N, C-alpha and C. Protein backbone atom coordinates (compact mmCIF):
# COMPACT_ATOMS: atom_id res chain seq x y z
N MET A 1 54.70 234.02 -28.62
CA MET A 1 54.06 234.71 -27.51
C MET A 1 54.31 236.22 -27.69
N THR A 2 53.27 237.00 -27.54
CA THR A 2 53.42 238.45 -27.67
C THR A 2 54.08 239.02 -26.40
N PRO A 3 54.61 240.23 -26.47
CA PRO A 3 55.21 240.83 -25.27
C PRO A 3 54.22 240.94 -24.10
N ILE A 4 52.98 241.31 -24.36
CA ILE A 4 52.03 241.44 -23.25
C ILE A 4 51.70 240.07 -22.67
N GLU A 5 51.60 239.05 -23.50
CA GLU A 5 51.38 237.70 -22.98
C GLU A 5 52.55 237.26 -22.11
N LYS A 6 53.77 237.56 -22.55
CA LYS A 6 54.96 237.21 -21.77
C LYS A 6 54.96 237.96 -20.44
N ALA A 7 54.64 239.25 -20.47
CA ALA A 7 54.61 240.05 -19.24
C ALA A 7 53.58 239.50 -18.27
N ARG A 8 52.42 239.12 -18.77
CA ARG A 8 51.38 238.55 -17.90
C ARG A 8 51.85 237.23 -17.29
N GLU A 9 52.53 236.42 -18.08
CA GLU A 9 53.07 235.16 -17.58
C GLU A 9 54.10 235.41 -16.48
N LEU A 10 54.99 236.37 -16.69
CA LEU A 10 56.02 236.68 -15.69
C LEU A 10 55.39 237.18 -14.40
N ARG A 11 54.42 238.09 -14.50
CA ARG A 11 53.81 238.67 -13.30
C ARG A 11 52.95 237.66 -12.55
N ALA A 12 52.50 236.61 -13.23
CA ALA A 12 51.70 235.58 -12.58
C ALA A 12 52.56 234.49 -11.94
N SER A 13 53.84 234.49 -12.25
CA SER A 13 54.73 233.45 -11.73
C SER A 13 54.78 233.48 -10.21
N THR A 14 54.71 232.29 -9.63
CA THR A 14 54.81 232.19 -8.17
C THR A 14 56.12 231.56 -7.73
N ASP A 15 56.85 230.97 -8.67
CA ASP A 15 58.11 230.32 -8.30
C ASP A 15 59.31 231.26 -8.39
N VAL A 16 59.23 232.27 -9.24
CA VAL A 16 60.29 233.27 -9.37
C VAL A 16 59.63 234.64 -9.31
N HIS A 17 60.24 235.56 -8.55
CA HIS A 17 59.71 236.93 -8.54
C HIS A 17 60.41 237.73 -9.64
N TYR A 18 59.61 238.22 -10.58
CA TYR A 18 60.10 239.11 -11.62
C TYR A 18 59.70 240.51 -11.22
N ASN A 19 60.70 241.37 -10.96
CA ASN A 19 60.35 242.72 -10.57
C ASN A 19 59.81 243.49 -11.78
N CYS A 20 59.37 244.71 -11.56
CA CYS A 20 58.74 245.49 -12.62
C CYS A 20 59.67 245.71 -13.80
N CYS A 21 60.90 246.05 -13.54
CA CYS A 21 61.87 246.29 -14.61
C CYS A 21 62.10 245.01 -15.42
N GLN A 22 62.32 243.91 -14.74
CA GLN A 22 62.52 242.63 -15.43
C GLN A 22 61.30 242.25 -16.25
N SER A 23 60.12 242.56 -15.72
CA SER A 23 58.87 242.22 -16.40
C SER A 23 58.65 243.05 -17.66
N VAL A 24 59.34 244.17 -17.77
CA VAL A 24 59.32 244.97 -19.00
C VAL A 24 60.45 244.53 -19.93
N LEU A 25 61.62 244.26 -19.39
CA LEU A 25 62.77 243.90 -20.22
C LEU A 25 62.64 242.54 -20.89
N ILE A 26 62.25 241.54 -20.14
CA ILE A 26 62.26 240.16 -20.65
C ILE A 26 61.37 239.98 -21.89
N PRO A 27 60.17 240.57 -21.95
CA PRO A 27 59.37 240.40 -23.16
C PRO A 27 60.02 240.97 -24.43
N PHE A 28 60.98 241.87 -24.25
CA PHE A 28 61.64 242.49 -25.40
C PHE A 28 63.10 242.04 -25.54
N ALA A 29 63.49 241.02 -24.79
CA ALA A 29 64.88 240.57 -24.79
C ALA A 29 65.38 240.27 -26.20
N GLN A 30 64.63 239.51 -26.95
CA GLN A 30 65.07 239.14 -28.29
C GLN A 30 65.25 240.37 -29.17
N ARG A 31 64.32 241.31 -29.10
CA ARG A 31 64.43 242.55 -29.90
C ARG A 31 65.67 243.35 -29.52
N MET A 32 66.10 243.21 -28.25
CA MET A 32 67.28 243.94 -27.78
C MET A 32 68.57 243.16 -28.02
N GLY A 33 68.46 241.95 -28.56
CA GLY A 33 69.65 241.14 -28.79
C GLY A 33 70.18 240.48 -27.52
N LEU A 34 69.29 240.27 -26.56
CA LEU A 34 69.65 239.65 -25.28
C LEU A 34 68.91 238.33 -25.12
N THR A 35 69.45 237.48 -24.27
CA THR A 35 68.69 236.31 -23.85
C THR A 35 67.76 236.76 -22.72
N GLU A 36 66.78 235.94 -22.42
CA GLU A 36 65.91 236.26 -21.28
C GLU A 36 66.71 236.29 -19.99
N GLU A 37 67.70 235.43 -19.87
CA GLU A 37 68.53 235.40 -18.67
C GLU A 37 69.33 236.70 -18.53
N GLN A 38 69.83 237.22 -19.64
CA GLN A 38 70.56 238.49 -19.59
C GLN A 38 69.63 239.64 -19.21
N ALA A 39 68.43 239.65 -19.77
CA ALA A 39 67.46 240.69 -19.43
C ALA A 39 67.08 240.60 -17.95
N PHE A 40 66.92 239.38 -17.44
CA PHE A 40 66.61 239.17 -16.03
C PHE A 40 67.73 239.76 -15.16
N ALA A 41 68.98 239.47 -15.52
CA ALA A 41 70.13 239.99 -14.75
C ALA A 41 70.23 241.50 -14.85
N LEU A 42 70.01 242.04 -16.05
CA LEU A 42 70.10 243.48 -16.26
C LEU A 42 69.12 244.24 -15.37
N GLY A 43 67.90 243.72 -15.22
CA GLY A 43 66.88 244.40 -14.44
C GLY A 43 66.86 244.08 -12.96
N ALA A 44 67.77 243.23 -12.52
CA ALA A 44 67.73 242.73 -11.14
C ALA A 44 67.77 243.80 -10.06
N ASN A 45 68.51 244.87 -10.26
CA ASN A 45 68.67 245.86 -9.20
C ASN A 45 67.82 247.11 -9.40
N PHE A 46 66.77 247.00 -10.21
CA PHE A 46 65.90 248.15 -10.45
C PHE A 46 64.56 247.99 -9.75
N GLN A 47 64.43 247.03 -8.86
CA GLN A 47 63.17 246.86 -8.13
C GLN A 47 63.01 247.95 -7.09
N GLY A 48 61.76 248.24 -6.80
CA GLY A 48 61.48 249.23 -5.76
C GLY A 48 62.09 250.59 -6.05
N GLY A 49 62.13 250.96 -7.33
CA GLY A 49 62.71 252.26 -7.67
C GLY A 49 64.19 252.30 -7.40
N MET A 50 64.91 251.38 -7.99
CA MET A 50 66.36 251.24 -7.83
C MET A 50 66.72 250.99 -6.37
N ARG A 51 65.82 250.24 -5.70
CA ARG A 51 66.01 249.83 -4.31
C ARG A 51 65.95 250.99 -3.31
N CYS A 52 65.45 252.15 -3.77
CA CYS A 52 65.38 253.29 -2.83
C CYS A 52 64.18 254.19 -3.10
N GLY A 53 63.19 253.69 -3.84
CA GLY A 53 61.98 254.47 -4.10
C GLY A 53 62.13 255.48 -5.22
N ALA A 54 63.25 255.44 -5.94
CA ALA A 54 63.49 256.40 -7.02
C ALA A 54 62.74 255.96 -8.28
N ALA A 55 63.33 256.12 -9.43
CA ALA A 55 62.65 255.90 -10.71
C ALA A 55 61.98 254.53 -10.80
N CYS A 56 60.72 254.53 -11.20
CA CYS A 56 59.90 253.33 -11.35
C CYS A 56 60.59 252.34 -12.28
N GLY A 57 60.60 251.08 -11.89
CA GLY A 57 61.22 250.03 -12.68
C GLY A 57 60.60 249.85 -14.05
N THR A 58 59.29 250.11 -14.17
CA THR A 58 58.68 249.98 -15.49
C THR A 58 59.24 251.04 -16.43
N LEU A 59 59.46 252.23 -15.91
CA LEU A 59 60.00 253.31 -16.73
C LEU A 59 61.47 253.10 -17.05
N THR A 60 62.26 252.66 -16.07
CA THR A 60 63.68 252.40 -16.36
C THR A 60 63.80 251.26 -17.36
N GLY A 61 62.98 250.24 -17.23
CA GLY A 61 62.98 249.15 -18.20
C GLY A 61 62.61 249.65 -19.59
N ALA A 62 61.59 250.49 -19.66
CA ALA A 62 61.17 251.05 -20.95
C ALA A 62 62.29 251.86 -21.59
N MET A 63 62.99 252.66 -20.79
CA MET A 63 64.09 253.46 -21.33
C MET A 63 65.21 252.57 -21.87
N MET A 64 65.46 251.45 -21.18
CA MET A 64 66.47 250.51 -21.67
C MET A 64 66.02 249.88 -22.99
N VAL A 65 64.75 249.48 -23.07
CA VAL A 65 64.24 248.88 -24.31
C VAL A 65 64.34 249.90 -25.44
N LEU A 66 63.93 251.13 -25.20
CA LEU A 66 64.00 252.16 -26.24
C LEU A 66 65.43 252.39 -26.69
N GLY A 67 66.35 252.42 -25.75
CA GLY A 67 67.76 252.62 -26.10
C GLY A 67 68.33 251.46 -26.90
N MET A 68 68.01 250.25 -26.46
CA MET A 68 68.56 249.06 -27.12
C MET A 68 67.91 248.78 -28.47
N THR A 69 66.77 249.38 -28.74
CA THR A 69 66.11 249.18 -30.03
C THR A 69 66.20 250.43 -30.90
N ASN A 70 67.15 251.30 -30.55
CA ASN A 70 67.55 252.44 -31.37
C ASN A 70 66.50 253.52 -31.58
N TYR A 71 65.66 253.74 -30.58
CA TYR A 71 64.73 254.86 -30.66
C TYR A 71 65.50 256.14 -30.37
N PRO A 72 65.20 257.21 -31.08
CA PRO A 72 65.91 258.47 -30.84
C PRO A 72 65.57 259.05 -29.46
N PRO A 73 66.50 259.83 -28.89
CA PRO A 73 66.27 260.42 -27.57
C PRO A 73 64.96 261.19 -27.47
N GLU A 74 64.55 261.82 -28.54
CA GLU A 74 63.30 262.60 -28.52
C GLU A 74 62.10 261.70 -28.24
N GLN A 75 62.11 260.50 -28.81
CA GLN A 75 61.00 259.58 -28.58
C GLN A 75 61.04 259.03 -27.15
N ALA A 76 62.23 258.81 -26.62
CA ALA A 76 62.35 258.37 -25.22
C ALA A 76 61.84 259.47 -24.29
N ASP A 77 62.18 260.72 -24.60
CA ASP A 77 61.69 261.84 -23.80
C ASP A 77 60.17 261.92 -23.86
N ALA A 78 59.61 261.73 -25.05
CA ALA A 78 58.15 261.76 -25.20
C ALA A 78 57.50 260.63 -24.42
N PHE A 79 58.12 259.46 -24.40
CA PHE A 79 57.60 258.33 -23.64
C PHE A 79 57.57 258.68 -22.15
N ARG A 80 58.67 259.25 -21.66
CA ARG A 80 58.73 259.64 -20.24
C ARG A 80 57.69 260.70 -19.92
N ARG A 81 57.56 261.70 -20.77
CA ARG A 81 56.56 262.76 -20.54
C ARG A 81 55.15 262.18 -20.50
N GLN A 82 54.86 261.23 -21.38
CA GLN A 82 53.54 260.59 -21.39
C GLN A 82 53.31 259.82 -20.09
N PHE A 83 54.33 259.13 -19.61
CA PHE A 83 54.24 258.40 -18.35
C PHE A 83 53.89 259.36 -17.21
N VAL A 84 54.61 260.48 -17.15
CA VAL A 84 54.36 261.48 -16.10
C VAL A 84 52.96 262.06 -16.24
N SER A 85 52.55 262.34 -17.46
CA SER A 85 51.22 262.89 -17.70
C SER A 85 50.13 261.95 -17.18
N GLU A 86 50.33 260.66 -17.40
CA GLU A 86 49.32 259.69 -16.98
C GLU A 86 49.38 259.33 -15.50
N HIS A 87 50.58 259.41 -14.91
CA HIS A 87 50.74 258.91 -13.54
C HIS A 87 51.18 259.97 -12.53
N GLY A 88 51.56 261.14 -12.99
CA GLY A 88 51.87 262.24 -12.08
C GLY A 88 53.27 262.25 -11.51
N ASP A 89 54.04 261.21 -11.72
CA ASP A 89 55.39 261.13 -11.14
C ASP A 89 56.15 260.02 -11.84
N VAL A 90 57.45 259.97 -11.63
CA VAL A 90 58.26 258.86 -12.14
C VAL A 90 58.81 258.00 -11.01
N ASN A 91 58.71 258.48 -9.79
CA ASN A 91 59.31 257.78 -8.66
C ASN A 91 58.40 256.72 -8.06
N CYS A 92 58.98 255.55 -7.87
CA CYS A 92 58.26 254.41 -7.33
C CYS A 92 57.54 254.75 -6.02
N ALA A 93 58.24 255.37 -5.10
CA ALA A 93 57.64 255.67 -3.79
C ALA A 93 56.40 256.54 -3.94
N ALA A 94 56.46 257.56 -4.78
CA ALA A 94 55.32 258.46 -4.99
C ALA A 94 54.18 257.73 -5.69
N LEU A 95 54.51 256.90 -6.66
CA LEU A 95 53.48 256.14 -7.38
C LEU A 95 52.79 255.15 -6.45
N LEU A 96 53.57 254.47 -5.62
CA LEU A 96 52.98 253.52 -4.66
C LEU A 96 52.12 254.24 -3.62
N LYS A 97 52.58 255.39 -3.16
CA LYS A 97 51.80 256.16 -2.18
C LYS A 97 50.46 256.58 -2.78
N ALA A 98 50.49 257.07 -4.00
CA ALA A 98 49.24 257.49 -4.66
C ALA A 98 48.31 256.31 -4.86
N ALA A 99 48.84 255.16 -5.22
CA ALA A 99 48.01 253.95 -5.39
C ALA A 99 47.40 253.54 -4.05
N HIS A 100 48.22 253.58 -3.00
CA HIS A 100 47.74 253.22 -1.66
C HIS A 100 46.59 254.15 -1.24
N GLU A 101 46.76 255.44 -1.50
CA GLU A 101 45.71 256.41 -1.14
C GLU A 101 44.42 256.16 -1.91
N ARG A 102 44.52 255.57 -3.09
CA ARG A 102 43.34 255.24 -3.88
C ARG A 102 42.81 253.84 -3.54
N GLY A 103 43.49 253.14 -2.62
CA GLY A 103 43.05 251.83 -2.20
C GLY A 103 43.44 250.70 -3.15
N ILE A 104 44.45 250.95 -3.98
CA ILE A 104 44.90 249.94 -4.93
C ILE A 104 46.05 249.16 -4.32
N PRO A 105 45.93 247.84 -4.20
CA PRO A 105 47.01 247.03 -3.63
C PRO A 105 48.28 247.13 -4.49
N ARG A 106 49.42 246.99 -3.84
CA ARG A 106 50.72 247.15 -4.49
C ARG A 106 50.86 246.27 -5.74
N LYS A 107 50.57 244.99 -5.64
CA LYS A 107 50.75 244.09 -6.78
C LYS A 107 49.86 244.52 -7.94
N GLU A 108 48.62 244.84 -7.64
CA GLU A 108 47.69 245.27 -8.69
C GLU A 108 48.21 246.54 -9.38
N HIS A 109 48.70 247.48 -8.58
CA HIS A 109 49.24 248.73 -9.12
C HIS A 109 50.45 248.45 -10.01
N CYS A 110 51.40 247.68 -9.50
CA CYS A 110 52.63 247.40 -10.26
C CYS A 110 52.33 246.58 -11.51
N ASP A 111 51.47 245.58 -11.40
CA ASP A 111 51.09 244.81 -12.58
C ASP A 111 50.49 245.73 -13.65
N GLY A 112 49.63 246.63 -13.22
CA GLY A 112 49.00 247.56 -14.16
C GLY A 112 50.02 248.41 -14.89
N LEU A 113 51.01 248.91 -14.16
CA LEU A 113 52.06 249.70 -14.80
C LEU A 113 52.87 248.86 -15.78
N VAL A 114 53.22 247.66 -15.37
CA VAL A 114 53.98 246.76 -16.27
C VAL A 114 53.19 246.55 -17.56
N PHE A 115 51.93 246.19 -17.45
CA PHE A 115 51.15 245.88 -18.64
C PHE A 115 50.98 247.11 -19.53
N GLN A 116 50.74 248.26 -18.92
CA GLN A 116 50.58 249.49 -19.69
C GLN A 116 51.86 249.83 -20.45
N VAL A 117 53.00 249.73 -19.78
CA VAL A 117 54.28 250.08 -20.40
C VAL A 117 54.62 249.07 -21.51
N VAL A 118 54.43 247.79 -21.25
CA VAL A 118 54.72 246.78 -22.28
C VAL A 118 53.85 247.01 -23.51
N GLU A 119 52.56 247.28 -23.31
CA GLU A 119 51.69 247.54 -24.45
C GLU A 119 52.13 248.79 -25.21
N ALA A 120 52.53 249.83 -24.50
CA ALA A 120 52.97 251.07 -25.16
C ALA A 120 54.25 250.83 -25.96
N LEU A 121 55.16 250.02 -25.44
CA LEU A 121 56.40 249.72 -26.16
C LEU A 121 56.15 248.86 -27.38
N ASP A 122 55.18 247.97 -27.30
CA ASP A 122 54.92 247.05 -28.40
C ASP A 122 54.21 247.78 -29.52
């Protein structure tokens, strides 16, 4: 299963809620030397922008994947800059507000970010 296929499967799950960070981490668990269960636990407290509207879980998950797969800091910085360029912010609360103002439902917005980030990492 490819990372994007795994992310789509996780986001479609109705029996377990996979937050945005977990949905980015789990598809890359093996590449990071983790089990899926470890990746699930690692991302557990990064929902809703670290539970306070701060940094988007897709971005924090991406930074963890980049770190665990030995990407240099310059490439991680470039990834973050690209995210900001495309979305205007890194904070969950601001991203959700902008999506709401455009009439995009929360799940659709978050799923879109997960899929975009997973594809960019892959």
